[in-house]
Amino acid sequence: MSILSVYLASSLFVVTLVWFLFGRKKGKLEKLLMCWWAFSGLTHLVLEGYFVFSPEFFKDNTSCYLAQVWKEYSKGDSRYAGRDSAVIAVEGITAVIEGPASLLAVYAIAKGKTYSYVLQLAISLGQLYGCLVYFITAFLEGDNFATSSFYYYSYYIGANGWWVLIPLLISYRCWNKICEAATNGVETKMKKKIR
Protein backbone atom coordinates (compact mmCIF):
# COMPACT_ATOMS: atom_id res chain seq x y z
CA MET A 1 0.00 0.00 0.00
CA SER A 2 2.97 2.35 0.49
CA ILE A 3 3.65 2.28 -3.27
CA LEU A 4 0.15 3.56 -3.96
CA SER A 5 0.47 6.17 -1.19
CA VAL A 6 3.69 7.57 -2.66
CA TYR A 7 2.17 7.67 -6.15
CA LEU A 8 -0.98 9.41 -4.95
CA ALA A 9 0.94 11.89 -2.78
CA SER A 10 3.36 12.82 -5.57
CA SER A 11 0.46 13.13 -8.05
CA LEU A 12 -1.43 15.38 -5.64
CA PHE A 13 1.71 17.50 -5.21
CA VAL A 14 2.08 17.96 -9.00
CA VAL A 15 -1.61 18.77 -9.48
CA THR A 16 -1.58 21.27 -6.60
CA LEU A 17 1.58 22.91 -7.91
CA VAL A 18 0.14 23.31 -11.40
CA TRP A 19 -3.21 24.53 -10.04
CA PHE A 20 -1.68 27.34 -7.98
CA LEU A 21 1.41 28.32 -9.98
CA PHE A 22 0.39 28.07 -13.60
CA GLY A 23 -3.35 28.60 -13.48
CA ARG A 24 -3.63 31.91 -11.68
CA LYS A 25 -5.31 33.71 -14.56
CA LYS A 26 -7.20 30.73 -15.95
CA GLY A 27 -10.72 29.47 -15.40
CA LYS A 28 -11.40 26.27 -13.48
CA LEU A 29 -11.73 24.09 -16.57
CA GLU A 30 -8.40 25.28 -17.98
CA LYS A 31 -6.77 24.68 -14.58
CA LEU A 32 -8.21 21.16 -14.46
CA LEU A 33 -6.96 20.48 -17.98
CA MET A 34 -3.48 21.74 -17.10
CA CYS A 35 -3.48 19.52 -14.00
CA TRP A 36 -4.56 16.51 -16.08
CA TRP A 37 -1.89 17.11 -18.70
CA ALA A 38 0.84 17.60 -16.07
CA PHE A 39 -0.21 14.43 -14.23
CA SER A 40 -0.58 12.51 -17.48
CA GLY A 41 2.69 13.76 -18.93
CA LEU A 42 4.74 12.93 -15.86
CA THR A 43 3.06 9.53 -15.55
CA HIS A 44 3.95 8.79 -19.18
CA LEU A 45 7.50 10.09 -18.93
CA VAL A 46 8.53 8.84 -15.50
CA LEU A 47 6.54 5.68 -14.82
CA GLU A 48 6.02 4.37 -18.32
CA GLY A 49 9.43 5.59 -19.44
CA TYR A 50 11.06 3.62 -16.64
CA PHE A 51 9.18 0.48 -17.67
CA VAL A 52 10.16 0.77 -21.32
CA PHE A 53 13.82 1.56 -20.72
CA SER A 54 14.38 -0.83 -17.77
CA PRO A 55 13.85 -4.30 -19.21
CA GLU A 56 15.23 -5.99 -16.10
CA PHE A 57 12.96 -4.16 -13.62
CA PHE A 58 11.39 -7.39 -12.40
CA LYS A 59 14.80 -8.75 -11.38
CA ASP A 60 15.64 -5.56 -9.47
CA ASN A 61 15.93 -6.53 -5.79
CA THR A 62 16.84 -3.05 -4.62
CA SER A 63 14.30 -0.71 -3.18
CA CYS A 64 13.97 1.25 -6.43
CA TYR A 65 10.52 2.78 -6.19
CA LEU A 66 9.76 2.60 -9.91
CA ALA A 67 10.71 -1.08 -10.11
CA GLN A 68 8.38 -1.75 -7.18
CA VAL A 69 5.54 0.11 -8.94
CA TRP A 70 5.81 -2.15 -11.98
CA LYS A 71 6.13 -5.30 -9.88
CA GLU A 72 2.94 -4.29 -8.11
CA TYR A 73 1.14 -3.32 -11.32
CA SER A 74 2.10 -6.68 -12.87
CA LYS A 75 -0.33 -8.27 -10.42
CA GLY A 76 -3.09 -6.68 -12.51
CA ASP A 77 -1.44 -7.39 -15.87
CA SER A 78 1.34 -9.98 -15.96
CA ARG A 79 2.23 -8.96 -19.53
CA TYR A 80 4.40 -6.25 -17.92
CA ALA A 81 6.48 -8.78 -16.00
CA GLY A 82 6.73 -10.91 -19.15
CA ARG A 83 7.79 -7.88 -21.26
CA ASP A 84 5.03 -8.46 -23.82
CA SER A 85 5.99 -6.78 -27.12
CA ALA A 86 2.59 -5.12 -27.63
CA VAL A 87 2.72 -3.60 -24.15
CA ILE A 88 6.29 -2.41 -24.65
CA ALA A 89 5.36 -0.80 -27.98
CA VAL A 90 2.31 0.99 -26.57
CA GLU A 91 4.16 2.16 -23.47
CA GLY A 92 7.18 3.24 -25.53
CA ILE A 93 5.12 5.43 -27.84
CA THR A 94 3.25 6.82 -24.87
CA ALA A 95 6.41 7.63 -22.91
CA VAL A 96 8.41 9.13 -25.77
CA ILE A 97 5.70 11.03 -27.67
CA GLU A 98 2.66 11.56 -25.47
CA GLY A 99 4.60 12.34 -22.28
CA PRO A 100 6.43 15.40 -23.64
CA ALA A 101 3.37 16.42 -25.69
CA SER A 102 1.24 16.39 -22.53
CA LEU A 103 3.68 18.76 -20.82
CA LEU A 104 3.62 20.95 -23.93
CA ALA A 105 -0.18 21.03 -23.56
CA VAL A 106 0.22 22.51 -20.06
CA TYR A 107 2.35 25.28 -21.54
CA ALA A 108 -0.03 25.81 -24.48
CA ILE A 109 -3.05 26.20 -22.20
CA ALA A 110 -1.18 28.43 -19.75
CA LYS A 111 0.01 30.75 -22.53
CA GLY A 112 -3.19 30.60 -24.61
CA LYS A 113 -1.40 29.25 -27.68
CA THR A 114 -3.47 28.82 -30.84
CA TYR A 115 -2.38 25.20 -31.25
CA SER A 116 -3.67 24.21 -27.80
CA TYR A 117 -6.88 22.49 -28.96
CA VAL A 118 -5.24 20.68 -31.87
CA LEU A 119 -2.46 19.46 -29.57
CA GLN A 120 -4.88 18.28 -26.88
CA LEU A 121 -6.99 16.49 -29.49
CA ALA A 122 -3.94 14.76 -30.98
CA ILE A 123 -2.67 13.60 -27.58
CA SER A 124 -6.12 12.42 -26.52
CA LEU A 125 -6.56 10.43 -29.72
CA GLY A 126 -3.11 8.90 -29.17
CA GLN A 127 -4.05 7.94 -25.62
CA LEU A 128 -7.34 6.44 -26.80
CA TYR A 129 -5.56 4.49 -29.54
CA GLY A 130 -3.01 3.19 -27.03
CA CYS A 131 -5.78 2.09 -24.67
CA LEU A 132 -7.61 0.34 -27.51
CA VAL A 133 -4.49 -1.58 -28.49
CA TYR A 134 -3.80 -2.37 -24.83
CA PHE A 135 -7.30 -3.70 -24.12
CA ILE A 136 -7.87 -5.40 -27.49
CA THR A 137 -4.58 -7.33 -27.40
CA ALA A 138 -5.43 -8.51 -23.88
CA PHE A 139 -8.89 -9.58 -25.05
CA LEU A 140 -7.49 -11.44 -28.07
CA GLU A 141 -5.02 -13.26 -25.83
CA GLY A 142 -7.69 -14.39 -23.37
CA ASP A 143 -7.73 -11.45 -20.95
CA ASN A 144 -6.34 -13.63 -18.20
CA PHE A 145 -3.35 -11.65 -16.95
CA ALA A 146 -4.35 -10.63 -13.41
CA THR A 147 -3.50 -12.58 -10.26
CA SER A 148 -6.99 -11.95 -8.85
CA SER A 149 -10.21 -10.12 -9.67
CA PHE A 150 -9.22 -7.39 -7.18
CA TYR A 151 -6.08 -6.55 -9.17
CA TYR A 152 -7.93 -6.94 -12.46
CA TYR A 153 -10.56 -4.35 -11.57
CA SER A 154 -8.39 -1.97 -9.55
CA TYR A 155 -5.23 -1.94 -11.69
CA TYR A 156 -6.11 -3.20 -15.16
CA ILE A 157 -9.55 -1.56 -15.43
CA GLY A 158 -9.49 1.17 -12.76
CA ALA A 159 -6.05 2.61 -13.40
CA ASN A 160 -6.46 2.57 -17.18
CA GLY A 161 -10.09 3.63 -17.35
CA TRP A 162 -9.14 7.25 -16.71
CA TRP A 163 -7.07 7.25 -19.93
CA VAL A 164 -10.24 6.33 -21.82
CA LEU A 165 -12.80 8.54 -20.10
CA ILE A 166 -10.82 11.79 -19.80
CA PRO A 167 -9.34 11.73 -23.33
CA LEU A 168 -12.84 11.07 -24.71
CA LEU A 169 -14.16 14.15 -22.93
CA ILE A 170 -11.18 16.27 -23.98
CA SER A 171 -11.48 15.08 -27.59
CA TYR A 172 -15.15 16.04 -27.68
CA ARG A 173 -14.41 19.49 -26.25
CA CYS A 174 -11.46 20.14 -28.55
CA TRP A 175 -13.38 19.00 -31.61
CA ASN A 176 -16.14 21.47 -30.78
CA LYS A 177 -13.66 24.31 -30.16
CA ILE A 178 -11.83 23.63 -33.44
CA CYS A 179 -15.10 23.49 -35.39
CA GLU A 180 -16.29 26.69 -33.71
CA ALA A 181 -13.05 28.47 -34.62
CA ALA A 182 -13.25 27.23 -38.21
CA THR A 183 -16.86 28.38 -38.51
CA ASN A 184 -15.99 31.81 -37.10
CA GLY A 185 -13.08 32.06 -39.53
CA VAL A 186 -15.28 31.27 -42.52
CA GLU A 187 -17.93 33.77 -41.37
CA THR A 188 -15.27 36.46 -40.96
CA LYS A 189 -13.94 35.84 -44.49
CA MET A 190 -17.49 35.97 -45.90
CA LYS A 191 -18.15 39.30 -44.22
CA LYS A 192 -14.93 40.76 -45.63
CA LYS A 193 -15.90 39.63 -49.16
CA ILE A 194 -19.34 41.23 -48.87
CA ARG A 195 -17.87 44.61 -47.91
C-alpha atoms as a PDB file:
ATOM      1  CA  MET A   1       0.000   0.000   0.000  1.00  0.00           C
ATOM      2  CA  SER A   2       2.967   2.347   0.487  1.00  0.00           C
ATOM      3  CA  ILE A   3       3.654   2.275  -3.268  1.00  0.00           C
ATOM      4  CA  LEU A   4       0.149   3.559  -3.963  1.00  0.00           C
ATOM      5  CA  SER A   5       0.466   6.175  -1.194  1.00  0.00           C
ATOM      6  CA  VAL A   6       3.694   7.570  -2.661  1.00  0.00           C
ATOM      7  CA  TYR A   7       2.170   7.670  -6.146  1.00  0.00           C
ATOM      8  CA  LEU A   8      -0.978   9.413  -4.946  1.00  0.00           C
ATOM      9  CA  ALA A   9       0.941  11.887  -2.781  1.00  0.00           C
ATOM     10  CA  SER A  10       3.357  12.821  -5.573  1.00  0.00           C
ATOM     11  CA  SER A  11       0.459  13.126  -8.048  1.00  0.00           C
ATOM     12  CA  LEU A  12      -1.425  15.378  -5.636  1.00  0.00           C
ATOM     13  CA  PHE A  13       1.711  17.497  -5.214  1.00  0.00           C
ATOM     14  CA  VAL A  14       2.080  17.955  -9.002  1.00  0.00           C
ATOM     15  CA  VAL A  15      -1.610  18.772  -9.479  1.00  0.00           C
ATOM     16  CA  THR A  16      -1.576  21.270  -6.601  1.00  0.00           C
ATOM     17  CA  LEU A  17       1.583  22.908  -7.909  1.00  0.00           C
ATOM     18  CA  VAL A  18       0.136  23.309 -11.399  1.00  0.00           C
ATOM     19  CA  TRP A  19      -3.208  24.530 -10.037  1.00  0.00           C
ATOM     20  CA  PHE A  20      -1.683  27.337  -7.976  1.00  0.00           C
ATOM     21  CA  LEU A  21       1.405  28.316  -9.976  1.00  0.00           C
ATOM     22  CA  PHE A  22       0.388  28.067 -13.604  1.00  0.00           C
ATOM     23  CA  GLY A  23      -3.351  28.600 -13.480  1.00  0.00           C
ATOM     24  CA  ARG A  24      -3.629  31.913 -11.677  1.00  0.00           C
ATOM     25  CA  LYS A  25      -5.314  33.711 -14.555  1.00  0.00           C
ATOM     26  CA  LYS A  26      -7.201  30.732 -15.952  1.00  0.00           C
ATOM     27  CA  GLY A  27     -10.725  29.465 -15.397  1.00  0.00           C
ATOM     28  CA  LYS A  28     -11.403  26.265 -13.481  1.00  0.00           C
ATOM     29  CA  LEU A  29     -11.727  24.091 -16.571  1.00  0.00           C
ATOM     30  CA  GLU A  30      -8.399  25.280 -17.978  1.00  0.00           C
ATOM     31  CA  LYS A  31      -6.770  24.681 -14.582  1.00  0.00           C
ATOM     32  CA  LEU A  32      -8.207  21.161 -14.464  1.00  0.00           C
ATOM     33  CA  LEU A  33      -6.957  20.479 -17.980  1.00  0.00           C
ATOM     34  CA  MET A  34      -3.478  21.737 -17.101  1.00  0.00           C
ATOM     35  CA  CYS A  35      -3.484  19.517 -14.001  1.00  0.00           C
ATOM     36  CA  TRP A  36      -4.559  16.508 -16.076  1.00  0.00           C
ATOM     37  CA  TRP A  37      -1.889  17.112 -18.696  1.00  0.00           C
ATOM     38  CA  ALA A  38       0.837  17.603 -16.074  1.00  0.00           C
ATOM     39  CA  PHE A  39      -0.211  14.430 -14.227  1.00  0.00           C
ATOM     40  CA  SER A  40      -0.585  12.515 -17.481  1.00  0.00           C
ATOM     41  CA  GLY A  41       2.693  13.757 -18.933  1.00  0.00           C
ATOM     42  CA  LEU A  42       4.739  12.935 -15.861  1.00  0.00           C
ATOM     43  CA  THR A  43       3.060   9.530 -15.550  1.00  0.00           C
ATOM     44  CA  HIS A  44       3.950   8.788 -19.178  1.00  0.00           C
ATOM     45  CA  LEU A  45       7.504  10.090 -18.934  1.00  0.00           C
ATOM     46  CA  VAL A  46       8.533   8.844 -15.503  1.00  0.00           C
ATOM     47  CA  LEU A  47       6.536   5.684 -14.818  1.00  0.00           C
ATOM     48  CA  GLU A  48       6.023   4.369 -18.317  1.00  0.00           C
ATOM     49  CA  GLY A  49       9.434   5.588 -19.443  1.00  0.00           C
ATOM     50  CA  TYR A  50      11.061   3.622 -16.641  1.00  0.00           C
ATOM     51  CA  PHE A  51       9.176   0.484 -17.669  1.00  0.00           C
ATOM     52  CA  VAL A  52      10.163   0.771 -21.318  1.00  0.00           C
ATOM     53  CA  PHE A  53      13.819   1.555 -20.720  1.00  0.00           C
ATOM     54  CA  SER A  54      14.376  -0.828 -17.773  1.00  0.00           C
ATOM     55  CA  PRO A  55      13.849  -4.297 -19.209  1.00  0.00           C
ATOM     56  CA  GLU A  56      15.230  -5.991 -16.102  1.00  0.00           C
ATOM     57  CA  PHE A  57      12.955  -4.159 -13.623  1.00  0.00           C
ATOM     58  CA  PHE A  58      11.391  -7.393 -12.400  1.00  0.00           C
ATOM     59  CA  LYS A  59      14.798  -8.753 -11.382  1.00  0.00           C
ATOM     60  CA  ASP A  60      15.644  -5.556  -9.471  1.00  0.00           C
ATOM     61  CA  ASN A  61      15.935  -6.528  -5.789  1.00  0.00           C
ATOM     62  CA  THR A  62      16.845  -3.052  -4.620  1.00  0.00           C
ATOM     63  CA  SER A  63      14.302  -0.709  -3.176  1.00  0.00           C
ATOM     64  CA  CYS A  64      13.969   1.252  -6.430  1.00  0.00           C
ATOM     65  CA  TYR A  65      10.518   2.781  -6.191  1.00  0.00           C
ATOM     66  CA  LEU A  66       9.764   2.599  -9.915  1.00  0.00           C
ATOM     67  CA  ALA A  67      10.705  -1.082 -10.111  1.00  0.00           C
ATOM     68  CA  GLN A  68       8.379  -1.745  -7.178  1.00  0.00           C
ATOM     69  CA  VAL A  69       5.543   0.109  -8.938  1.00  0.00           C
ATOM     70  CA  TRP A  70       5.815  -2.152 -11.979  1.00  0.00           C
ATOM     71  CA  LYS A  71       6.128  -5.300  -9.883  1.00  0.00           C
ATOM     72  CA  GLU A  72       2.936  -4.289  -8.109  1.00  0.00           C
ATOM     73  CA  TYR A  73       1.143  -3.318 -11.316  1.00  0.00           C
ATOM     74  CA  SER A  74       2.101  -6.675 -12.866  1.00  0.00           C
ATOM     75  CA  LYS A  75      -0.334  -8.268 -10.424  1.00  0.00           C
ATOM     76  CA  GLY A  76      -3.086  -6.677 -12.506  1.00  0.00           C
ATOM     77  CA  ASP A  77      -1.438  -7.392 -15.866  1.00  0.00           C
ATOM     78  CA  SER A  78       1.336  -9.977 -15.958  1.00  0.00           C
ATOM     79  CA  ARG A  79       2.231  -8.959 -19.526  1.00  0.00           C
ATOM     80  CA  TYR A  80       4.399  -6.254 -17.922  1.00  0.00           C
ATOM     81  CA  ALA A  81       6.479  -8.777 -15.997  1.00  0.00           C
ATOM     82  CA  GLY A  82       6.734 -10.905 -19.153  1.00  0.00           C
ATOM     83  CA  ARG A  83       7.790  -7.885 -21.262  1.00  0.00           C
ATOM     84  CA  ASP A  84       5.026  -8.455 -23.820  1.00  0.00           C
ATOM     85  CA  SER A  85       5.992  -6.780 -27.118  1.00  0.00           C
ATOM     86  CA  ALA A  86       2.589  -5.116 -27.631  1.00  0.00           C
ATOM     87  CA  VAL A  87       2.717  -3.601 -24.147  1.00  0.00           C
ATOM     88  CA  ILE A  88       6.289  -2.406 -24.647  1.00  0.00           C
ATOM     89  CA  ALA A  89       5.357  -0.802 -27.978  1.00  0.00           C
ATOM     90  CA  VAL A  90       2.306   0.987 -26.572  1.00  0.00           C
ATOM     91  CA  GLU A  91       4.162   2.163 -23.467  1.00  0.00           C
ATOM     92  CA  GLY A  92       7.182   3.240 -25.532  1.00  0.00           C
ATOM     93  CA  ILE A  93       5.120   5.433 -27.842  1.00  0.00           C
ATOM     94  CA  THR A  94       3.245   6.818 -24.868  1.00  0.00           C
ATOM     95  CA  ALA A  95       6.411   7.630 -22.912  1.00  0.00           C
ATOM     96  CA  VAL A  96       8.407   9.129 -25.766  1.00  0.00           C
ATOM     97  CA  ILE A  97       5.697  11.033 -27.670  1.00  0.00           C
ATOM     98  CA  GLU A  98       2.658  11.558 -25.467  1.00  0.00           C
ATOM     99  CA  GLY A  99       4.601  12.340 -22.276  1.00  0.00           C
ATOM    100  CA  PRO A 100       6.427  15.398 -23.641  1.00  0.00           C
ATOM    101  CA  ALA A 101       3.374  16.423 -25.693  1.00  0.00           C
ATOM    102  CA  SER A 102       1.241  16.388 -22.525  1.00  0.00           C
ATOM    103  CA  LEU A 103       3.678  18.755 -20.821  1.00  0.00           C
ATOM    104  CA  LEU A 104       3.615  20.951 -23.926  1.00  0.00           C
ATOM    105  CA  ALA A 105      -0.181  21.031 -23.563  1.00  0.00           C
ATOM    106  CA  VAL A 106       0.218  22.508 -20.064  1.00  0.00           C
ATOM    107  CA  TYR A 107       2.346  25.277 -21.541  1.00  0.00           C
ATOM    108  CA  ALA A 108      -0.027  25.811 -24.478  1.00  0.00           C
ATOM    109  CA  ILE A 109      -3.047  26.196 -22.197  1.00  0.00           C
ATOM    110  CA  ALA A 110      -1.181  28.431 -19.747  1.00  0.00           C
ATOM    111  CA  LYS A 111       0.007  30.748 -22.531  1.00  0.00           C
ATOM    112  CA  GLY A 112      -3.190  30.603 -24.607  1.00  0.00           C
ATOM    113  CA  LYS A 113      -1.404  29.253 -27.684  1.00  0.00           C
ATOM    114  CA  THR A 114      -3.473  28.825 -30.839  1.00  0.00           C
ATOM    115  CA  TYR A 115      -2.379  25.199 -31.250  1.00  0.00           C
ATOM    116  CA  SER A 116      -3.666  24.210 -27.799  1.00  0.00           C
ATOM    117  CA  TYR A 117      -6.875  22.490 -28.958  1.00  0.00           C
ATOM    118  CA  VAL A 118      -5.243  20.679 -31.872  1.00  0.00           C
ATOM    119  CA  LEU A 119      -2.462  19.456 -29.573  1.00  0.00           C
ATOM    120  CA  GLN A 120      -4.878  18.277 -26.882  1.00  0.00           C
ATOM    121  CA  LEU A 121      -6.994  16.485 -29.494  1.00  0.00           C
ATOM    122  CA  ALA A 122      -3.941  14.763 -30.976  1.00  0.00           C
ATOM    123  CA  ILE A 123      -2.668  13.596 -27.581  1.00  0.00           C
ATOM    124  CA  SER A 124      -6.123  12.423 -26.520  1.00  0.00           C
ATOM    125  CA  LEU A 125      -6.556  10.427 -29.723  1.00  0.00           C
ATOM    126  CA  GLY A 126      -3.112   8.905 -29.166  1.00  0.00           C
ATOM    127  CA  GLN A 127      -4.047   7.936 -25.616  1.00  0.00           C
ATOM    128  CA  LEU A 128      -7.337   6.440 -26.803  1.00  0.00           C
ATOM    129  CA  TYR A 129      -5.557   4.493 -29.540  1.00  0.00           C
ATOM    130  CA  GLY A 130      -3.008   3.189 -27.027  1.00  0.00           C
ATOM    131  CA  CYS A 131      -5.777   2.089 -24.673  1.00  0.00           C
ATOM    132  CA  LEU A 132      -7.608   0.340 -27.509  1.00  0.00           C
ATOM    133  CA  VAL A 133      -4.488  -1.579 -28.492  1.00  0.00           C
ATOM    134  CA  TYR A 134      -3.800  -2.373 -24.830  1.00  0.00           C
ATOM    135  CA  PHE A 135      -7.298  -3.699 -24.120  1.00  0.00           C
ATOM    136  CA  ILE A 136      -7.866  -5.403 -27.490  1.00  0.00           C
ATOM    137  CA  THR A 137      -4.580  -7.330 -27.404  1.00  0.00           C
ATOM    138  CA  ALA A 138      -5.427  -8.509 -23.884  1.00  0.00           C
ATOM    139  CA  PHE A 139      -8.892  -9.577 -25.045  1.00  0.00           C
ATOM    140  CA  LEU A 140      -7.491 -11.440 -28.067  1.00  0.00           C
ATOM    141  CA  GLU A 141      -5.020 -13.260 -25.834  1.00  0.00           C
ATOM    142  CA  GLY A 142      -7.693 -14.391 -23.374  1.00  0.00           C
ATOM    143  CA  ASP A 143      -7.733 -11.452 -20.953  1.00  0.00           C
ATOM    144  CA  ASN A 144      -6.339 -13.631 -18.201  1.00  0.00           C
ATOM    145  CA  PHE A 145      -3.350 -11.651 -16.947  1.00  0.00           C
ATOM    146  CA  ALA A 146      -4.347 -10.629 -13.411  1.00  0.00           C
ATOM    147  CA  THR A 147      -3.505 -12.578 -10.264  1.00  0.00           C
ATOM    148  CA  SER A 148      -6.994 -11.948  -8.850  1.00  0.00           C
ATOM    149  CA  SER A 149     -10.213 -10.120  -9.667  1.00  0.00           C
ATOM    150  CA  PHE A 150      -9.224  -7.388  -7.180  1.00  0.00           C
ATOM    151  CA  TYR A 151      -6.083  -6.554  -9.168  1.00  0.00           C
ATOM    152  CA  TYR A 152      -7.932  -6.940 -12.464  1.00  0.00           C
ATOM    153  CA  TYR A 153     -10.555  -4.352 -11.574  1.00  0.00           C
ATOM    154  CA  SER A 154      -8.393  -1.974  -9.549  1.00  0.00           C
ATOM    155  CA  TYR A 155      -5.235  -1.941 -11.692  1.00  0.00           C
ATOM    156  CA  TYR A 156      -6.110  -3.203 -15.159  1.00  0.00           C
ATOM    157  CA  ILE A 157      -9.554  -1.564 -15.431  1.00  0.00           C
ATOM    158  CA  GLY A 158      -9.492   1.168 -12.764  1.00  0.00           C
ATOM    159  CA  ALA A 159      -6.048   2.610 -13.400  1.00  0.00           C
ATOM    160  CA  ASN A 160      -6.457   2.570 -17.183  1.00  0.00           C
ATOM    161  CA  GLY A 161     -10.088   3.627 -17.353  1.00  0.00           C
ATOM    162  CA  TRP A 162      -9.139   7.254 -16.715  1.00  0.00           C
ATOM    163  CA  TRP A 163      -7.074   7.247 -19.927  1.00  0.00           C
ATOM    164  CA  VAL A 164     -10.236   6.334 -21.816  1.00  0.00           C
ATOM    165  CA  LEU A 165     -12.801   8.542 -20.102  1.00  0.00           C
ATOM    166  CA  ILE A 166     -10.823  11.789 -19.798  1.00  0.00           C
ATOM    167  CA  PRO A 167      -9.338  11.734 -23.331  1.00  0.00           C
ATOM    168  CA  LEU A 168     -12.842  11.071 -24.714  1.00  0.00           C
ATOM    169  CA  LEU A 169     -14.160  14.152 -22.932  1.00  0.00           C
ATOM    170  CA  ILE A 170     -11.177  16.270 -23.979  1.00  0.00           C
ATOM    171  CA  SER A 171     -11.479  15.076 -27.592  1.00  0.00           C
ATOM    172  CA  TYR A 172     -15.147  16.040 -27.680  1.00  0.00           C
ATOM    173  CA  ARG A 173     -14.408  19.494 -26.246  1.00  0.00           C
ATOM    174  CA  CYS A 174     -11.460  20.142 -28.549  1.00  0.00           C
ATOM    175  CA  TRP A 175     -13.381  18.996 -31.609  1.00  0.00           C
ATOM    176  CA  ASN A 176     -16.145  21.466 -30.783  1.00  0.00           C
ATOM    177  CA  LYS A 177     -13.657  24.308 -30.159  1.00  0.00           C
ATOM    178  CA  ILE A 178     -11.830  23.630 -33.436  1.00  0.00           C
ATOM    179  CA  CYS A 179     -15.101  23.486 -35.393  1.00  0.00           C
ATOM    180  CA  GLU A 180     -16.285  26.686 -33.711  1.00  0.00           C
ATOM    181  CA  ALA A 181     -13.045  28.471 -34.620  1.00  0.00           C
ATOM    182  CA  ALA A 182     -13.253  27.231 -38.211  1.00  0.00           C
ATOM    183  CA  THR A 183     -16.864  28.385 -38.511  1.00  0.00           C
ATOM    184  CA  ASN A 184     -15.990  31.805 -37.100  1.00  0.00           C
ATOM    185  CA  GLY A 185     -13.081  32.063 -39.525  1.00  0.00           C
ATOM    186  CA  VAL A 186     -15.282  31.272 -42.525  1.00  0.00           C
ATOM    187  CA  GLU A 187     -17.926  33.766 -41.369  1.00  0.00           C
ATOM    188  CA  THR A 188     -15.266  36.463 -40.962  1.00  0.00           C
ATOM    189  CA  LYS A 189     -13.938  35.837 -44.494  1.00  0.00           C
ATOM    190  CA  MET A 190     -17.489  35.965 -45.903  1.00  0.00           C
ATOM    191  CA  LYS A 191     -18.154  39.303 -44.221  1.00  0.00           C
ATOM    192  CA  LYS A 192     -14.928  40.757 -45.625  1.00  0.00           C
ATOM    193  CA  LYS A 193     -15.895  39.625 -49.160  1.00  0.00           C
ATOM    194  CA  ILE A 194     -19.341  41.227 -48.866  1.00  0.00           C
ATOM    195  CA  ARG A 195     -17.867  44.608 -47.910  1.00  0.00           C
END
